[in-house]
Amino acid sequence: MARSATNMLDLSDLQAPQRREVRDFVQFLLTRRTDTKRTPRTKTLPAAFQTPIKVDEYLKVSRDEIYDEI
C-alpha cells in the first residue's frame, strides 16, 4: 500500500498496547479483504474443530500476555 496523507493514521497519542491492537485489527481487515477477492470464503469449520478435546482446567491469558510471546 502506498503511503500518502489520505491513508496514514497518527497513533502516537495511544499507548503501545493500544497501538498494537489497532495494527492487529487493521491487518485483520486487510487480510479479510484480500482473501475474499482471491477465493470465496467457506462458512464451515474444518473437521478438527468439531472434535471435542478434554480439558481439566482452563488457562486464563490476557491479550497483553499473548503479545509478550510474539
N, C-alpha and C. Protein backbone atom coordinates (compact mmCIF):
# COMPACT_ATOMS: atom_id res chain seq x y z
N MET A 1 0.85 -1.17 0.00
CA MET A 1 0.00 0.00 0.00
C MET A 1 0.90 1.23 0.00
N ALA A 2 0.68 2.12 -0.93
CA ALA A 2 1.46 3.35 -0.99
C ALA A 2 1.06 4.27 0.16
N ARG A 3 2.04 4.98 0.71
CA ARG A 3 1.75 5.89 1.83
C ARG A 3 1.44 7.27 1.28
N SER A 4 0.40 7.84 1.78
CA SER A 4 0.04 9.21 1.45
C SER A 4 -0.71 9.79 2.65
N ALA A 5 -0.98 11.08 2.57
CA ALA A 5 -1.70 11.73 3.68
C ALA A 5 -3.10 11.18 3.84
N THR A 6 -3.66 10.58 2.81
CA THR A 6 -5.04 10.09 2.89
C THR A 6 -5.14 8.72 3.52
N ASN A 7 -4.04 7.95 3.60
CA ASN A 7 -4.16 6.62 4.19
C ASN A 7 -3.24 6.42 5.39
N MET A 8 -2.80 7.51 6.01
CA MET A 8 -1.98 7.41 7.22
C MET A 8 -2.79 7.84 8.44
N LEU A 9 -2.58 7.17 9.52
CA LEU A 9 -3.29 7.45 10.76
C LEU A 9 -2.25 7.64 11.86
N ASP A 10 -2.31 8.76 12.56
CA ASP A 10 -1.36 9.06 13.62
C ASP A 10 -1.79 8.34 14.90
N LEU A 11 -1.01 7.34 15.31
CA LEU A 11 -1.31 6.58 16.52
C LEU A 11 -0.41 6.98 17.69
N SER A 12 0.34 8.07 17.53
CA SER A 12 1.32 8.45 18.55
C SER A 12 0.68 8.81 19.90
N ASP A 13 -0.57 9.20 19.91
CA ASP A 13 -1.24 9.54 21.18
C ASP A 13 -1.64 8.30 21.98
N LEU A 14 -1.62 7.13 21.33
CA LEU A 14 -2.02 5.89 22.00
C LEU A 14 -0.83 5.25 22.69
N GLN A 15 -1.11 4.49 23.73
CA GLN A 15 -0.06 3.72 24.41
C GLN A 15 0.27 2.50 23.55
N ALA A 16 1.42 1.88 23.81
CA ALA A 16 1.91 0.76 22.99
C ALA A 16 0.89 -0.38 22.85
N PRO A 17 0.24 -0.84 23.92
CA PRO A 17 -0.74 -1.92 23.75
C PRO A 17 -1.91 -1.53 22.85
N GLN A 18 -2.32 -0.27 22.95
CA GLN A 18 -3.43 0.20 22.11
C GLN A 18 -3.00 0.29 20.66
N ARG A 19 -1.76 0.72 20.40
CA ARG A 19 -1.26 0.77 19.03
C ARG A 19 -1.19 -0.63 18.42
N ARG A 20 -0.73 -1.60 19.23
CA ARG A 20 -0.67 -3.00 18.74
C ARG A 20 -2.06 -3.50 18.38
N GLU A 21 -3.03 -3.18 19.21
CA GLU A 21 -4.39 -3.63 18.95
C GLU A 21 -4.95 -3.02 17.68
N VAL A 22 -4.70 -1.74 17.45
CA VAL A 22 -5.16 -1.08 16.22
C VAL A 22 -4.48 -1.70 15.01
N ARG A 23 -3.15 -1.90 15.08
CA ARG A 23 -2.43 -2.52 13.95
C ARG A 23 -2.94 -3.92 13.69
N ASP A 24 -3.19 -4.68 14.76
CA ASP A 24 -3.71 -6.04 14.63
C ASP A 24 -5.06 -6.03 13.92
N PHE A 25 -5.93 -5.10 14.31
CA PHE A 25 -7.26 -5.03 13.71
C PHE A 25 -7.19 -4.62 12.24
N VAL A 26 -6.33 -3.64 11.92
CA VAL A 26 -6.19 -3.21 10.53
C VAL A 26 -5.64 -4.36 9.68
N GLN A 27 -4.67 -5.10 10.21
CA GLN A 27 -4.13 -6.26 9.48
C GLN A 27 -5.22 -7.29 9.24
N PHE A 28 -6.06 -7.53 10.25
CA PHE A 28 -7.19 -8.45 10.11
C PHE A 28 -8.12 -8.00 8.98
N LEU A 29 -8.45 -6.71 8.96
CA LEU A 29 -9.33 -6.20 7.91
C LEU A 29 -8.71 -6.34 6.53
N LEU A 30 -7.43 -6.03 6.42
CA LEU A 30 -6.75 -6.17 5.13
C LEU A 30 -6.70 -7.62 4.68
N THR A 31 -6.47 -8.53 5.60
CA THR A 31 -6.43 -9.95 5.27
C THR A 31 -7.79 -10.43 4.79
N ARG A 32 -8.84 -10.03 5.48
CA ARG A 32 -10.19 -10.42 5.05
C ARG A 32 -10.50 -9.88 3.67
N ARG A 33 -10.10 -8.65 3.41
CA ARG A 33 -10.38 -8.00 2.13
C ARG A 33 -9.67 -8.73 1.00
N THR A 34 -8.40 -9.07 1.18
CA THR A 34 -7.65 -9.73 0.11
C THR A 34 -8.06 -11.19 -0.04
N ASP A 35 -8.39 -11.86 1.07
CA ASP A 35 -8.81 -13.26 0.98
C ASP A 35 -10.10 -13.41 0.19
N THR A 36 -11.06 -12.53 0.40
CA THR A 36 -12.35 -12.66 -0.28
C THR A 36 -12.22 -12.37 -1.76
N LYS A 37 -11.22 -11.58 -2.16
CA LYS A 37 -11.04 -11.31 -3.59
C LYS A 37 -10.42 -12.51 -4.30
N ARG A 38 -9.56 -13.25 -3.60
CA ARG A 38 -8.90 -14.40 -4.22
C ARG A 38 -9.78 -15.63 -4.28
N THR A 39 -10.30 -16.02 -3.14
CA THR A 39 -11.11 -17.23 -3.08
C THR A 39 -12.36 -16.96 -2.27
N PRO A 40 -13.47 -17.58 -2.62
CA PRO A 40 -14.68 -17.40 -1.80
C PRO A 40 -14.49 -18.01 -0.42
N ARG A 41 -15.02 -17.34 0.59
CA ARG A 41 -14.91 -17.84 1.96
C ARG A 41 -15.92 -18.96 2.19
N THR A 42 -15.46 -19.98 2.90
CA THR A 42 -16.37 -21.06 3.26
C THR A 42 -16.94 -20.77 4.64
N LYS A 43 -18.13 -21.25 4.88
CA LYS A 43 -18.81 -20.99 6.15
C LYS A 43 -18.66 -22.14 7.14
N THR A 44 -17.98 -23.20 6.75
CA THR A 44 -17.86 -24.35 7.64
C THR A 44 -16.44 -24.43 8.21
N LEU A 45 -16.34 -24.91 9.43
CA LEU A 45 -15.04 -25.10 10.07
C LEU A 45 -14.46 -26.44 9.66
N PRO A 46 -13.14 -26.58 9.72
CA PRO A 46 -12.53 -27.88 9.44
C PRO A 46 -13.01 -28.93 10.43
N ALA A 47 -12.93 -30.18 10.07
CA ALA A 47 -13.42 -31.28 10.91
C ALA A 47 -12.73 -31.31 12.27
N ALA A 48 -11.46 -30.90 12.34
CA ALA A 48 -10.73 -30.92 13.61
C ALA A 48 -11.39 -30.03 14.66
N PHE A 49 -12.09 -28.99 14.24
CA PHE A 49 -12.77 -28.12 15.19
C PHE A 49 -14.04 -28.75 15.75
N GLN A 50 -14.53 -29.76 15.12
CA GLN A 50 -15.75 -30.42 15.57
C GLN A 50 -15.48 -31.49 16.61
N THR A 51 -14.21 -31.90 16.76
CA THR A 51 -13.85 -32.95 17.71
C THR A 51 -13.55 -32.33 19.07
N PRO A 52 -14.33 -32.69 20.10
CA PRO A 52 -14.08 -32.10 21.42
C PRO A 52 -12.76 -32.58 22.01
N ILE A 53 -12.14 -31.73 22.81
CA ILE A 53 -10.90 -32.05 23.49
C ILE A 53 -11.15 -31.95 24.98
N LYS A 54 -10.77 -32.98 25.74
CA LYS A 54 -10.96 -32.97 27.18
C LYS A 54 -9.92 -32.07 27.84
N VAL A 55 -10.41 -31.12 28.63
CA VAL A 55 -9.54 -30.18 29.33
C VAL A 55 -9.90 -30.22 30.80
N ASP A 56 -8.90 -30.43 31.64
CA ASP A 56 -9.15 -30.46 33.08
C ASP A 56 -9.31 -29.06 33.66
N GLU A 57 -8.55 -28.12 33.13
CA GLU A 57 -8.58 -26.77 33.67
C GLU A 57 -8.24 -25.78 32.55
N TYR A 58 -9.00 -24.70 32.50
CA TYR A 58 -8.74 -23.65 31.50
C TYR A 58 -7.64 -22.72 32.00
N LEU A 59 -6.82 -22.26 31.11
CA LEU A 59 -5.76 -21.32 31.44
C LEU A 59 -6.20 -19.94 30.97
N LYS A 60 -6.30 -19.01 31.90
CA LYS A 60 -6.70 -17.64 31.55
C LYS A 60 -5.47 -16.87 31.11
N VAL A 61 -5.57 -16.24 29.94
CA VAL A 61 -4.46 -15.47 29.39
C VAL A 61 -5.00 -14.12 28.94
N SER A 62 -4.28 -13.06 29.27
CA SER A 62 -4.70 -11.73 28.84
C SER A 62 -4.11 -11.45 27.46
N ARG A 63 -4.68 -10.50 26.77
CA ARG A 63 -4.19 -10.12 25.44
C ARG A 63 -2.74 -9.65 25.51
N ASP A 64 -2.38 -8.92 26.57
CA ASP A 64 -1.01 -8.43 26.72
C ASP A 64 -0.02 -9.58 26.85
N GLU A 65 -0.40 -10.64 27.57
CA GLU A 65 0.48 -11.80 27.72
C GLU A 65 0.71 -12.49 26.36
N ILE A 66 -0.31 -12.52 25.53
CA ILE A 66 -0.17 -13.14 24.22
C ILE A 66 0.82 -12.34 23.38
N TYR A 67 0.72 -11.00 23.40
CA TYR A 67 1.64 -10.17 22.64
C TYR A 67 3.07 -10.26 23.17
N ASP A 68 3.24 -10.53 24.48
CA ASP A 68 4.58 -10.67 25.02
C ASP A 68 5.30 -11.88 24.44
N GLU A 69 4.54 -12.90 24.04
CA GLU A 69 5.13 -14.12 23.47
C GLU A 69 5.62 -13.91 22.06
N ILE A 70 5.07 -12.92 21.37
CA ILE A 70 5.39 -12.71 19.94
C ILE A 70 6.70 -11.97 19.80
